Amino acid sequence: MQTYRYIQDPSHGWIEVPLEELENIAYKISRYSYMDKRKGKAYLEEDCDAAIFIKKLKDTDTPYEIKEVHQEHTFIRNLPRFEHGFGA
């Protein structure tokens, strides 16, 4: 079972996902999400992009769990916006 972190600050939240897991759906991810190419992670915004990823997991019968993490000030807002051509 894969575990994903759901990182929240006081006003928003993101699911942390390895970039390689977005290979087939990256074109659907908006620029409201963020990414860290160095760490190979995407941070999918909770309103739409996270749902696209969760749907992929459900459609492929992939077992998963979400671990909630609350932070007053998150590093995510300082990352670059998601780009479709990230090379995954």
N, C-alpha and C. Protein backbone atom coordinates (compact mmCIF):
# COMPACT_ATOMS: atom_id res chain seq x y z
N MET A 1 0.85 -1.18 0.00
CA MET A 1 0.00 0.00 0.00
C MET A 1 0.89 1.24 0.00
N GLN A 2 0.58 2.16 -0.86
CA GLN A 2 1.32 3.41 -0.97
C GLN A 2 0.71 4.44 -0.02
N THR A 3 1.57 5.19 0.67
CA THR A 3 1.12 6.25 1.57
C THR A 3 1.51 7.60 0.97
N TYR A 4 0.57 8.53 0.95
CA TYR A 4 0.79 9.88 0.44
C TYR A 4 0.53 10.87 1.57
N ARG A 5 1.36 11.90 1.63
CA ARG A 5 1.17 12.94 2.63
C ARG A 5 0.21 14.01 2.10
N TYR A 6 -0.75 14.37 2.91
CA TYR A 6 -1.67 15.47 2.63
C TYR A 6 -1.22 16.61 3.52
N ILE A 7 -0.49 17.56 2.94
CA ILE A 7 0.12 18.64 3.69
C ILE A 7 -0.81 19.85 3.65
N GLN A 8 -1.15 20.37 4.83
CA GLN A 8 -2.08 21.50 4.92
C GLN A 8 -1.43 22.65 5.68
N ASP A 9 -1.70 23.86 5.20
CA ASP A 9 -1.40 25.05 5.99
C ASP A 9 -2.75 25.64 6.38
N PRO A 10 -2.81 26.78 7.05
CA PRO A 10 -4.10 27.29 7.50
C PRO A 10 -5.12 27.58 6.38
N SER A 11 -4.67 27.71 5.13
CA SER A 11 -5.64 28.07 4.09
C SER A 11 -5.74 27.11 2.91
N HIS A 12 -4.86 26.12 2.80
CA HIS A 12 -4.94 25.22 1.65
C HIS A 12 -4.22 23.91 1.94
N GLY A 13 -4.32 22.97 1.00
CA GLY A 13 -3.67 21.68 1.18
C GLY A 13 -3.24 21.08 -0.14
N TRP A 14 -2.27 20.17 -0.07
CA TRP A 14 -1.70 19.52 -1.24
C TRP A 14 -1.35 18.07 -0.90
N ILE A 15 -1.48 17.19 -1.89
CA ILE A 15 -1.03 15.81 -1.73
C ILE A 15 0.35 15.70 -2.38
N GLU A 16 1.30 15.17 -1.64
CA GLU A 16 2.66 14.97 -2.13
C GLU A 16 2.73 13.65 -2.90
N VAL A 17 3.15 13.73 -4.17
CA VAL A 17 3.15 12.57 -5.06
C VAL A 17 4.49 12.52 -5.81
N PRO A 18 5.10 11.35 -5.92
CA PRO A 18 6.29 11.24 -6.77
C PRO A 18 5.95 11.61 -8.22
N LEU A 19 6.82 12.38 -8.85
CA LEU A 19 6.56 12.83 -10.23
C LEU A 19 6.32 11.65 -11.17
N GLU A 20 7.05 10.57 -11.00
CA GLU A 20 6.88 9.43 -11.93
C GLU A 20 5.48 8.83 -11.88
N GLU A 21 4.76 9.04 -10.79
CA GLU A 21 3.39 8.51 -10.69
C GLU A 21 2.39 9.37 -11.46
N LEU A 22 2.84 10.50 -11.99
CA LEU A 22 1.96 11.39 -12.76
C LEU A 22 2.17 11.26 -14.26
N GLU A 23 3.00 10.34 -14.66
CA GLU A 23 3.39 10.23 -16.07
C GLU A 23 2.22 10.24 -17.03
N ASN A 24 1.17 9.50 -16.76
CA ASN A 24 0.04 9.40 -17.69
C ASN A 24 -1.04 10.47 -17.49
N ILE A 25 -0.93 11.24 -16.43
CA ILE A 25 -1.97 12.25 -16.16
C ILE A 25 -1.41 13.66 -16.01
N ALA A 26 -0.13 13.85 -16.23
CA ALA A 26 0.49 15.16 -16.01
C ALA A 26 -0.19 16.26 -16.81
N TYR A 27 -0.66 15.93 -18.00
CA TYR A 27 -1.31 16.95 -18.84
C TYR A 27 -2.61 17.47 -18.22
N LYS A 28 -3.16 16.75 -17.25
CA LYS A 28 -4.40 17.17 -16.58
C LYS A 28 -4.15 18.06 -15.36
N ILE A 29 -2.91 18.12 -14.90
CA ILE A 29 -2.59 18.84 -13.67
C ILE A 29 -2.44 20.33 -13.96
N SER A 30 -3.05 21.15 -13.12
CA SER A 30 -3.05 22.60 -13.33
C SER A 30 -1.79 23.26 -12.76
N ARG A 31 -1.66 24.52 -13.06
CA ARG A 31 -0.54 25.31 -12.51
C ARG A 31 -0.84 25.78 -11.09
N TYR A 32 -1.93 25.32 -10.50
CA TYR A 32 -2.20 25.62 -9.09
C TYR A 32 -1.47 24.63 -8.18
N SER A 33 -0.89 23.60 -8.79
CA SER A 33 -0.06 22.66 -8.05
C SER A 33 1.39 23.09 -8.17
N TYR A 34 2.23 22.48 -7.36
CA TYR A 34 3.65 22.84 -7.30
C TYR A 34 4.50 21.60 -7.54
N MET A 35 5.80 21.82 -7.76
CA MET A 35 6.69 20.68 -7.94
C MET A 35 8.09 21.01 -7.45
N ASP A 36 8.80 19.96 -7.07
CA ASP A 36 10.20 20.06 -6.69
C ASP A 36 10.94 19.02 -7.51
N LYS A 37 11.49 19.43 -8.65
CA LYS A 37 12.18 18.50 -9.55
C LYS A 37 13.37 17.84 -8.86
N ARG A 38 14.05 18.59 -8.03
CA ARG A 38 15.23 18.06 -7.34
C ARG A 38 14.87 16.85 -6.48
N LYS A 39 13.74 16.92 -5.80
CA LYS A 39 13.29 15.82 -4.95
C LYS A 39 12.38 14.84 -5.69
N GLY A 40 11.99 15.19 -6.94
CA GLY A 40 11.12 14.31 -7.71
C GLY A 40 9.70 14.24 -7.17
N LYS A 41 9.21 15.35 -6.62
CA LYS A 41 7.88 15.37 -6.00
C LYS A 41 6.99 16.44 -6.62
N ALA A 42 5.72 16.14 -6.68
CA ALA A 42 4.69 17.12 -7.04
C ALA A 42 3.81 17.30 -5.81
N TYR A 43 3.22 18.47 -5.71
CA TYR A 43 2.31 18.80 -4.61
C TYR A 43 1.01 19.23 -5.25
N LEU A 44 0.07 18.29 -5.31
CA LEU A 44 -1.18 18.49 -6.04
C LEU A 44 -2.20 19.21 -5.17
N GLU A 45 -2.67 20.34 -5.68
CA GLU A 45 -3.62 21.14 -4.90
C GLU A 45 -4.89 20.34 -4.65
N GLU A 46 -5.47 20.60 -3.50
CA GLU A 46 -6.55 19.76 -2.99
C GLU A 46 -7.88 19.88 -3.73
N ASP A 47 -8.15 20.99 -4.38
CA ASP A 47 -9.48 21.21 -4.95
C ASP A 47 -9.75 20.41 -6.22
N CYS A 48 -8.80 20.32 -7.12
CA CYS A 48 -9.03 19.60 -8.39
C CYS A 48 -7.94 18.57 -8.68
N ASP A 49 -6.69 18.99 -8.62
CA ASP A 49 -5.59 18.12 -9.05
C ASP A 49 -5.45 16.86 -8.21
N ALA A 50 -5.62 16.98 -6.91
CA ALA A 50 -5.53 15.80 -6.05
C ALA A 50 -6.61 14.79 -6.43
N ALA A 51 -7.80 15.28 -6.77
CA ALA A 51 -8.90 14.38 -7.16
C ALA A 51 -8.58 13.63 -8.45
N ILE A 52 -7.88 14.28 -9.37
CA ILE A 52 -7.47 13.61 -10.61
C ILE A 52 -6.54 12.45 -10.28
N PHE A 53 -5.61 12.67 -9.37
CA PHE A 53 -4.67 11.62 -8.98
C PHE A 53 -5.38 10.49 -8.23
N ILE A 54 -6.25 10.84 -7.30
CA ILE A 54 -6.98 9.82 -6.53
C ILE A 54 -7.85 8.98 -7.47
N LYS A 55 -8.46 9.61 -8.47
CA LYS A 55 -9.25 8.87 -9.46
C LYS A 55 -8.37 7.86 -10.20
N LYS A 56 -7.16 8.26 -10.55
CA LYS A 56 -6.23 7.33 -11.21
C LYS A 56 -5.96 6.12 -10.32
N LEU A 57 -5.71 6.38 -9.03
CA LEU A 57 -5.46 5.27 -8.10
C LEU A 57 -6.66 4.33 -8.03
N LYS A 58 -7.85 4.90 -7.94
CA LYS A 58 -9.06 4.08 -7.85
C LYS A 58 -9.32 3.32 -9.14
N ASP A 59 -9.11 3.98 -10.28
CA ASP A 59 -9.33 3.33 -11.58
C ASP A 59 -8.39 2.16 -11.80
N THR A 60 -7.22 2.20 -11.20
CA THR A 60 -6.24 1.12 -11.35
C THR A 60 -6.22 0.19 -10.15
N ASP A 61 -7.21 0.32 -9.28
CA ASP A 61 -7.32 -0.52 -8.07
C ASP A 61 -6.03 -0.52 -7.25
N THR A 62 -5.41 0.64 -7.15
CA THR A 62 -4.17 0.78 -6.39
C THR A 62 -4.51 1.12 -4.94
N PRO A 63 -4.10 0.27 -4.00
CA PRO A 63 -4.38 0.58 -2.59
C PRO A 63 -3.51 1.75 -2.13
N TYR A 64 -4.09 2.64 -1.34
CA TYR A 64 -3.36 3.81 -0.86
C TYR A 64 -3.95 4.28 0.46
N GLU A 65 -3.16 5.09 1.14
CA GLU A 65 -3.64 5.77 2.33
C GLU A 65 -3.09 7.19 2.32
N ILE A 66 -3.81 8.06 2.98
CA ILE A 66 -3.43 9.47 3.07
C ILE A 66 -3.08 9.78 4.52
N LYS A 67 -1.91 10.36 4.72
CA LYS A 67 -1.47 10.77 6.06
C LYS A 67 -1.51 12.30 6.11
N GLU A 68 -2.31 12.83 7.01
CA GLU A 68 -2.46 14.29 7.13
C GLU A 68 -1.31 14.90 7.93
N VAL A 69 -0.79 16.01 7.41
CA VAL A 69 0.28 16.76 8.06
C VAL A 69 -0.14 18.22 8.08
N HIS A 70 -0.19 18.82 9.25
CA HIS A 70 -0.57 20.23 9.38
C HIS A 70 0.67 21.06 9.68
N GLN A 71 0.84 22.14 8.92
CA GLN A 71 1.98 23.04 9.13
C GLN A 71 1.46 24.48 9.11
N GLU A 72 1.96 25.28 10.00
CA GLU A 72 1.57 26.70 10.02
C GLU A 72 2.09 27.41 8.78
N HIS A 73 3.34 27.16 8.43
CA HIS A 73 3.96 27.75 7.24
C HIS A 73 4.58 26.61 6.44
N THR A 74 4.07 26.35 5.26
CA THR A 74 4.58 25.24 4.48
C THR A 74 5.58 25.70 3.42
N PHE A 75 6.54 24.85 3.14
CA PHE A 75 7.55 25.11 2.12
C PHE A 75 6.96 25.08 0.71
N ILE A 76 5.81 24.48 0.56
CA ILE A 76 5.23 24.25 -0.76
C ILE A 76 4.99 25.55 -1.52
N ARG A 77 4.54 26.56 -0.83
CA ARG A 77 4.24 27.84 -1.50
C ARG A 77 5.48 28.51 -2.09
N ASN A 78 6.67 28.08 -1.68
CA ASN A 78 7.91 28.64 -2.21
C ASN A 78 8.45 27.85 -3.41
N LEU A 79 7.79 26.77 -3.78
CA LEU A 79 8.25 25.95 -4.90
C LEU A 79 7.73 26.50 -6.23
N PRO A 80 8.35 26.09 -7.34
CA PRO A 80 7.84 26.49 -8.66
C PRO A 80 6.50 25.82 -8.94
N ARG A 81 5.70 26.46 -9.77
CA ARG A 81 4.42 25.88 -10.19
C ARG A 81 4.65 24.63 -11.02
N PHE A 82 3.66 23.78 -11.05
CA PHE A 82 3.74 22.53 -11.80
C PHE A 82 3.91 22.82 -13.29
N GLU A 83 4.79 22.07 -13.94
CA GLU A 83 4.99 22.16 -15.39
C GLU A 83 4.69 20.80 -15.99
N HIS A 84 4.08 20.79 -17.13
CA HIS A 84 3.74 19.53 -17.78
C HIS A 84 4.96 18.80 -18.33
N GLY A 85 5.96 19.51 -18.80
CA GLY A 85 7.11 18.86 -19.40
C GLY A 85 8.23 18.58 -18.41
N PHE A 86 7.90 17.94 -17.30
CA PHE A 86 8.91 17.73 -16.25
C PHE A 86 9.81 16.55 -16.52
N GLY A 87 9.50 15.73 -17.52
CA GLY A 87 10.38 14.63 -17.88
C GLY A 87 10.15 13.33 -17.15
N ALA A 88 8.99 13.16 -16.53
CA ALA A 88 8.70 11.89 -15.86
C ALA A 88 8.36 10.82 -16.87
